[in-house]
Each structure stands twice: as structure tokens, then as C-alpha cells.
Protein backbone atom coordinates (compact mmCIF):
# COMPACT_ATOMS: atom_id res chain seq x y z
CA MET A 1 -0.02 0.01 0.01
CA VAL A 2 1.43 3.36 -1.00
CA GLY A 3 1.72 5.95 1.85
CA ARG A 4 -0.06 9.29 1.63
CA THR A 5 1.85 12.41 0.83
CA PRO A 6 2.31 15.12 3.52
CA ARG A 7 -0.24 17.27 1.68
CA ALA A 8 -2.78 14.46 1.76
CA ARG A 9 -2.17 13.86 5.46
CA ARG A 10 -2.66 17.57 6.21
CA SER A 11 -5.90 17.63 4.18
CA ALA A 12 -7.23 14.61 6.09
CA ALA A 13 -6.39 16.22 9.43
CA LEU A 14 -8.15 19.42 8.41
CA ALA A 15 -11.20 17.44 7.34
CA VAL A 16 -11.37 15.67 10.73
CA THR A 17 -11.13 19.02 12.52
CA ALA A 18 -13.86 20.50 10.37
CA VAL A 19 -16.16 17.55 11.06
CA ALA A 20 -15.61 17.94 14.84
CA LEU A 21 -16.33 21.66 14.63
CA LEU A 22 -19.48 21.05 12.67
CA ALA A 23 -20.62 18.48 15.25
CA LEU A 24 -20.15 20.99 18.08
CA THR A 25 -21.90 23.71 16.11
CA ALA A 26 -24.84 21.39 15.39
CA ALA A 27 -25.05 20.57 19.11
CA CYS A 28 -25.64 24.23 19.83
CA GLY A 29 -28.26 24.85 17.14
CA GLN A 30 -27.97 28.64 16.93
CA ASP A 31 -31.16 30.55 16.03
CA LYS A 32 -31.12 32.51 12.81
CA GLY A 33 -30.76 36.21 13.01
CA GLU A 34 -29.23 36.27 16.49
CA GLN A 35 -25.52 36.52 15.83
CA SER A 36 -23.80 38.53 18.53
CA PRO A 37 -23.01 42.12 17.51
CA ASN A 38 -20.71 44.29 19.59
CA GLY A 39 -22.13 46.17 22.55
CA GLN A 40 -24.81 45.46 25.17
CA ASN A 41 -28.23 46.66 26.22
CA VAL A 42 -29.09 47.18 29.88
CA GLY A 43 -32.77 46.94 30.64
CA ASN A 44 -33.92 49.37 32.82
CA GLY A 45 -55.70 39.60 54.46
CA ALA A 46 -56.69 39.90 57.27
CA PRO A 47 -59.67 37.90 58.57
CA ALA A 48 -62.95 39.72 57.91
CA LYS A 49 -66.00 40.04 60.12
CA ASP A 50 -68.51 37.88 58.27
CA ASN A 51 -70.04 34.46 58.08
CA GLY A 52 -66.88 32.73 56.89
CA TYR A 53 -67.00 33.63 53.21
CA GLY A 54 -65.03 36.89 53.70
CA ALA A 55 -65.95 40.66 53.77
CA ASP A 56 -69.19 42.30 54.90
CA ASP A 57 -71.32 41.05 52.00
CA GLY A 58 -70.54 37.56 53.18
CA TYR A 59 -68.28 36.53 50.30
CA GLY A 60 -65.05 38.52 50.39
CA ALA A 61 -65.32 40.76 47.31
CA ASP A 62 -67.28 43.59 45.85
CA THR A 63 -68.55 41.87 42.76
CA GLY A 64 -68.56 45.18 40.92
CA ASP A 65 -64.75 45.36 41.32
CA ALA A 66 -63.79 41.74 41.40
CA GLY A 67 -60.21 41.81 40.11
CA LYS A 68 -58.50 39.09 38.13
CA GLY A 69 -60.17 36.25 39.93
CA ALA A 70 -63.54 36.95 38.39
CA ASP A 71 -62.03 36.83 34.92
CA ALA A 72 -60.62 33.39 35.72
CA LYS A 73 -63.90 31.65 36.51
CA THR A 74 -63.62 29.30 33.55
CA LYS A 75 -59.86 29.57 33.01
CA SER A 76 -57.86 26.38 33.34
CA ALA A 77 -55.17 26.31 35.98
CA GLY A 78 -52.83 24.73 33.39
CA GLN A 79 -49.41 23.66 34.68
CA LEU A 80 -49.56 24.13 38.43
CA ALA A 81 -46.51 25.53 40.18
CA VAL A 82 -45.25 25.84 43.74
CA TRP A 83 -43.58 28.87 45.33
CA ASP A 84 -42.11 29.10 48.78
CA GLY A 85 -43.23 32.17 50.67
CA LYS A 86 -41.50 33.21 53.91
CA LYS A 87 -44.81 33.76 55.70
CA LEU A 88 -46.99 31.13 54.02
CA GLY A 89 -44.57 28.33 53.21
CA LYS A 90 -45.09 26.32 50.05
CA VAL A 91 -48.14 27.53 48.11
CA VAL A 92 -49.62 26.07 44.95
CA THR A 93 -50.42 28.47 42.09
CA ASP A 94 -51.91 28.23 38.63
CA SER A 95 -49.82 28.60 35.49
CA ALA A 96 -50.11 32.40 35.70
CA GLY A 97 -48.81 32.52 39.28
CA PHE A 98 -52.16 33.17 40.97
CA THR A 99 -52.59 31.65 44.43
CA LEU A 100 -55.03 28.74 44.83
CA TYR A 101 -57.09 28.51 48.00
CA ARG A 102 -59.07 25.97 50.04
CA PHE A 103 -62.19 26.51 52.17
CA ASP A 104 -62.42 25.07 55.69
CA LYS A 105 -66.15 24.47 55.29
CA ASP A 106 -65.47 22.06 52.39
CA SER A 107 -64.34 18.48 52.99
CA ALA A 108 -61.77 16.23 51.36
CA GLN A 109 -63.26 12.86 52.38
CA PRO A 110 -65.43 12.75 50.42
CA PRO A 111 -64.50 15.74 48.25
CA THR A 112 -67.27 18.29 48.75
CA SER A 113 -67.59 21.98 47.74
CA ARG A 114 -69.80 24.05 50.04
CA CYS A 115 -69.16 27.42 48.37
CA ASP A 116 -72.55 28.29 46.93
CA ALA A 117 -73.29 30.28 43.74
CA ALA A 118 -72.98 33.65 45.46
CA CYS A 119 -69.81 32.59 47.19
CA LEU A 120 -68.31 31.51 43.85
CA LYS A 121 -68.51 35.09 42.57
CA ALA A 122 -65.79 36.00 45.09
CA TRP A 123 -64.03 32.63 45.11
CA PRO A 124 -64.19 31.25 41.54
CA ALA A 125 -63.85 27.47 41.35
CA VAL A 126 -60.70 26.34 39.56
CA PRO A 127 -61.66 24.09 36.61
CA ALA A 128 -60.12 20.61 36.66
CA THR A 129 -59.83 20.43 32.87
CA GLY A 130 -56.27 20.99 31.69
CA ALA A 131 -54.73 21.13 35.17
CA LYS A 132 -51.36 19.42 35.50
CA ALA A 133 -49.57 18.56 38.72
CA ALA A 134 -46.75 20.83 39.79
CA PRO A 135 -43.22 19.46 39.23
CA GLY A 136 -42.37 17.00 41.99
CA VAL A 137 -46.00 16.63 43.15
CA ASP A 138 -47.84 13.31 42.83
CA ALA A 139 -50.34 13.63 39.95
CA SER A 140 -52.64 11.16 41.70
CA LEU A 141 -53.49 13.96 44.20
CA LEU A 142 -55.44 15.77 41.49
CA GLY A 143 -59.14 15.06 41.08
CA GLU A 144 -62.44 16.87 40.55
CA VAL A 145 -65.76 17.60 42.16
CA THR A 146 -68.86 19.40 40.87
CA ALA A 147 -69.17 22.96 42.21
CA ALA A 148 -72.45 24.75 42.85
CA ASP A 149 -72.33 26.44 39.43
CA GLY A 150 -71.73 23.14 37.65
CA THR A 151 -67.97 23.63 37.20
CA LYS A 152 -65.94 20.43 37.28
CA GLN A 153 -63.74 21.82 40.01
CA LEU A 154 -60.12 20.84 40.58
CA THR A 155 -59.34 19.09 43.84
CA ILE A 156 -55.92 18.50 45.34
CA GLY A 157 -55.73 15.85 47.99
CA GLY A 158 -59.55 15.89 47.91
CA TRP A 159 -59.83 19.61 48.73
CA PRO A 160 -61.64 21.80 46.16
CA MET A 161 -59.48 24.61 44.78
CA TYR A 162 -60.49 28.27 44.33
CA ARG A 163 -59.01 31.56 43.17
CA TYR A 164 -59.80 34.82 44.97
CA ALA A 165 -61.45 37.66 43.01
CA GLN A 166 -59.44 40.34 44.80
CA ASP A 167 -56.04 38.88 43.90
CA ALA A 168 -55.12 41.29 41.12
CA LYS A 169 -51.70 39.98 40.12
CA PRO A 170 -49.50 36.87 40.37
CA GLY A 171 -48.12 36.39 43.85
CA ASP A 172 -51.05 38.07 45.61
CA ALA A 173 -52.49 36.16 48.56
CA LYS A 174 -55.15 38.59 49.78
CA GLY A 175 -57.48 35.70 50.50
CA GLN A 176 -55.23 34.24 53.20
CA GLY A 177 -57.17 33.97 56.45
CA VAL A 178 -60.34 35.68 55.14
CA GLY A 179 -63.22 34.87 57.48
CA GLY A 180 -60.96 32.51 59.35
CA THR A 181 -61.91 29.87 56.77
CA TRP A 182 -60.00 30.62 53.58
CA TYR A 183 -56.32 29.67 53.25
CA ALA A 184 -53.69 29.37 50.56
CA ALA A 185 -53.33 25.75 49.55
CA ALA A 186 -50.19 23.69 49.89
CA PRO A 187 -49.09 21.33 47.07
CA ASP A 188 -50.93 18.45 48.78
CA GLY A 189 -54.16 20.44 49.20
CA LYS A 190 -53.68 21.08 52.92
CA LYS A 191 -53.27 24.58 54.39
CA ALA A 192 -49.99 26.17 53.41
CA ALA A 193 -47.72 26.66 56.44
CA PRO A 194 -44.06 27.61 56.91
CA ALA A 195 -41.72 24.70 57.47
CA ALA A 196 -41.15 23.87 61.12
CA ALA A 197 -37.86 25.11 62.58
CA GLY A 198 -35.03 22.78 61.72
CA THR A 199 -36.99 21.12 58.89
CA ALA A 200 -35.34 21.27 55.51
CA PRO A 201 -37.96 21.90 52.81
CA ALA A 202 -37.96 19.72 49.69
CA ASP A 203 -35.60 21.15 47.11
CA PRO A 204 -37.33 21.91 43.76
CA ALA A 205 -35.55 21.31 40.52
CA GLY A 206 -32.77 23.78 39.78
CA LEU A 207 -34.32 24.49 36.37
CA SER A 208 -37.83 23.50 35.29
CA THR A 209 -40.67 24.96 33.25
CA ARG A 210 -43.89 26.87 33.84
CA ASN A 211 -46.77 27.37 31.42
CA ASP A 212 -47.21 31.10 31.24
CA PRO A 213 -50.67 32.18 29.92
CA LYS A 214 -49.17 34.74 27.54
CA LEU A 215 -45.74 33.27 26.67
CA GLY A 216 -46.39 29.55 26.78
CA GLU A 217 -43.87 27.17 28.32
CA ILE A 218 -40.94 29.09 29.81
CA VAL A 219 -37.91 28.15 31.89
CA VAL A 220 -37.87 28.97 35.62
CA ASP A 221 -35.21 28.55 38.28
CA LYS A 222 -35.57 26.69 41.58
CA ASN A 223 -37.31 29.71 43.13
CA GLY A 224 -39.86 29.86 40.31
CA MET A 225 -38.31 32.98 38.81
CA THR A 226 -38.42 33.50 35.03
CA VAL A 227 -35.24 32.71 33.10
CA TYR A 228 -34.28 34.93 30.13
CA ARG A 229 -32.21 35.04 26.96
CA PHE A 230 -30.26 38.05 25.60
CA THR A 231 -30.37 38.26 21.83
CA LYS A 232 -27.03 40.07 21.66
CA ASP A 233 -25.34 36.91 23.01
CA SER A 234 -24.18 34.15 20.69
CA ALA A 235 -24.44 30.37 21.03
CA TRP A 236 -21.47 29.37 18.90
CA PRO A 237 -19.03 30.35 19.99
CA ILE A 238 -20.78 30.69 23.34
CA LYS A 239 -20.50 34.30 24.39
CA SER A 240 -22.29 36.60 26.90
CA ASN A 241 -22.40 40.27 26.00
CA CYS A 242 -24.08 41.17 29.30
CA VAL A 243 -21.24 42.28 31.57
CA GLY A 244 -20.58 45.08 34.06
CA ALA A 245 -23.70 47.06 34.95
CA CYS A 246 -25.78 44.78 32.70
CA ALA A 247 -24.82 41.73 34.78
CA GLY A 248 -26.10 43.48 37.87
CA LYS A 249 -29.51 43.95 36.26
CA TRP A 250 -29.52 40.51 34.68
CA PRO A 251 -27.77 38.00 36.96
CA ALA A 252 -26.29 35.01 35.21
CA VAL A 253 -27.95 31.64 36.02
CA ALA A 254 -25.38 29.62 37.97
CA PRO A 255 -24.53 26.10 36.69
CA VAL A 256 -27.24 23.48 37.37
CA ALA A 257 -26.59 19.74 37.04
CA LYS A 258 -28.53 17.96 34.29
CA SER A 259 -29.93 15.65 36.92
CA ASP A 260 -31.40 18.68 38.69
CA THR A 261 -33.63 19.75 35.77
CA GLU A 262 -37.16 18.90 34.63
CA GLY A 263 -38.44 19.45 31.08
CA ILE A 264 -35.26 21.17 29.87
CA LYS A 265 -33.62 20.28 26.56
CA LYS A 266 -30.29 18.56 27.24
CA LYS A 267 -28.76 19.26 23.84
CA GLY A 268 -26.16 21.98 24.22
CA TYR A 269 -26.72 22.01 28.00
CA MET A 270 -23.32 23.13 29.22
CA THR A 271 -21.49 25.58 31.47
CA TYR A 272 -19.98 28.77 30.10
CA ASN A 273 -16.96 30.53 31.59
CA ARG A 274 -17.99 34.19 31.65
CA PRO A 275 -15.55 37.05 30.85
CA ASP A 276 -15.96 38.31 34.42
CA GLY A 277 -14.67 35.01 35.80
CA GLY A 278 -18.03 33.50 36.81
CA LYS A 279 -19.71 30.39 35.41
CA GLN A 280 -23.06 30.47 33.68
CA GLN A 281 -25.57 27.82 32.67
CA THR A 282 -26.65 27.54 29.05
CA ILE A 283 -29.49 25.74 27.22
CA ASN A 284 -28.67 24.81 23.62
CA CYS A 285 -25.47 26.81 24.25
CA TRP A 286 -27.36 30.07 24.92
CA PRO A 287 -26.40 31.84 28.21
CA LEU A 288 -29.25 32.16 30.73
CA TYR A 289 -30.18 35.00 33.08
CA THR A 290 -32.81 36.13 35.62
CA PHE A 291 -34.03 39.72 35.90
CA SER A 292 -33.61 41.94 38.98
CA GLY A 293 -36.91 43.58 38.12
CA ASP A 294 -38.83 40.34 38.76
CA LYS A 295 -39.78 40.35 42.43
CA LYS A 296 -41.78 37.13 42.78
CA PRO A 297 -42.57 33.87 40.98
CA GLY A 298 -44.78 34.48 37.94
CA ASP A 299 -43.25 37.90 37.16
CA THR A 300 -42.12 38.36 33.52
CA ASN A 301 -41.17 42.05 33.74
CA GLY A 302 -38.07 41.39 31.67
CA GLN A 303 -39.99 40.23 28.64
CA GLY A 304 -39.14 42.40 25.63
CA VAL A 305 -36.95 44.85 27.56
CA GLY A 306 -34.83 46.87 25.11
CA GLY A 307 -36.08 44.63 22.32
CA THR A 308 -33.31 42.21 23.29
CA TRP A 309 -34.42 40.35 26.40
CA TYR A 310 -36.93 37.49 26.22
CA ALA A 311 -38.07 34.59 28.35
CA ALA A 312 -36.24 31.35 27.48
CA SER A 313 -38.06 28.33 26.11
CA PRO A 314 -37.14 24.76 27.26
CA GLU A 315 -35.19 24.53 23.94
CA GLY A 316 -33.23 27.70 24.66
CA LYS A 317 -35.11 29.90 22.21
CA ALA A 318 -35.92 33.57 22.98
CA ILE A 319 -39.74 33.55 23.14
CA GLY A 320 -41.24 36.39 21.16
CA ALA A 321 -38.03 37.60 19.61
CA THR A 322 -38.11 38.50 15.93
CA ALA A 323 -35.28 37.41 13.66
């Protein structure tokens, strides 16, 4: 067999290198139109005196000014989520981040809803259709019961679930303690309560997803906070263009083990060494961030900021960004 010439050997070596580079590039799957240019963009209840339903009218809300809860009477809870409040402990929310409640006058064995039609104007029943168990919560806990208005109402651990008409935004828990009978629900349907001293709470996944009513399925961190993409970054080569003051507004997501994720695409899931010396998690090779302007789970205040910041999809795409 005749040996190859030095030129042939060099050509073969270059071909192998090119194939390896193409494989790495394919693993990162960069979106079109999002090459990284130079520069950066910094984005700027107390118990009531009543019969147990809440407020003086007996139900806990002025039905003429009922807030978001009234608009959600027939809205599916979607992908349930859990957030850990310092005062309330672990609380179950719907996909939009609205608190779910339980009523002490109901029963779990057998599941029974005792909130009548007038009561349901202030405490809309959460429909069972389309509800999905929160990550890490046993799906068998979910069930349904027929509410007074005919709604097939979601139950968790047998307890019927409600929203509160006066909760105006995600994270509100104005219904807590109303009438001494209404309480935020825990992931198992029981009353939410802070963990006992010395008890270590269950650790949620480092990165998981939440079904946002406007954005669809988005990535959230272990605290339920929205995770973002910066369209001035690049995926191959991996590069973050959010440094200095920008990094203060948009903290980099610290590395999270693959085994500590739920629903996240593993392709291109790797750690990036930032120019400031820190390490940052990527999905599909895109650097990930949270936003200092988000104050609680369910907030998406960073969406669209500067036309360059967008919530991240489980595949690492910038949701809502235009090419």
C-alpha cells in the first residue's frame, strides 16, 4: 500500500477538525438572526367580620370590582406551580402565578364543595380540565368535584381549589385567612404553612418549566423565577455580552446539574466561563439570566426589555423575539 503524501495527510487532518467543529456547532443549534453584535443593552388579608365567606357582604369581594379572579372563572389552571413564601410556606399556584385557596367548610373525604353560587362570585372554582400537577407533586393527588355552578372543580388531595377575586396579580395572597376559613393551599391540598424550625424543605428542581398564559412554556429557576435570553449573546461560540452594569440587572444563572432539571432540553446544555470570571448555565449553548426587576414567581417584567431580552423556552429559544 502506497503511503499518503504530507499534503494528503494535512488535508485529512483538516477534514477531521472540520467535522468535529461542525458537530459541536450542530449541538448548539444557533437561532437565525441572532448573531452577537458588539455592545450590550441594559434593561432598565386579614380575617374579615362575616359568616366565613369573607368581607361584609358575606363573600369577600365587591362583585362590581372583582379583580382578576372573576375573569378566571372558567380559565384552566394549566401547569400548576409551587412557590415558597417566607410567611406562608409552600403555596400552589396556577400557571399564571395566581394563588389557589381551600375553604375550611369544604371536605376532602369525600370531596365536597360548600361554596354556593354567590360565594363563587368571590371565590371562583378552579376548573379541573387541563390542570397538570406541579413538578415533583404526585399527579394522583389531582381530582375533581362538581361545584355549585356546575364547574368540574379541581381538587388537590380531595380539597376543592379556588382563586380569589381580589387577587389582582401573580403572587397576591389577599385571601389568606379571610373569614378565618380561607387559606392558601399547599401542594398536597392542605393549608400552606411555613416549614417547622429545623426542617429542611424539599428542594425543587434547579431548572424547570412553567406554562405562562401569555408566553407559553418558559424556563424557571428553583425559586420559580423566570429565566431569560439576551439576543445580543451568541451560542457558537458561546458568548455573553451582558457584563458590568448589565450583569447586575440581569444576573447570570449559575450552573445546574442535568440531573437537577425537569423538562429542559439537554442538547447543548453546558457551562460557560464568563468574561468576568463566573460560570453560567446555558441551554442549547445560549447563556441564561434572571431579571432583577422580577420580584416574585410568575413575574415576567423582563420580557421584551430593550427589544433584546426574552423569556427562554425549554429549547433555549428567545420567546417572542423576531429574527
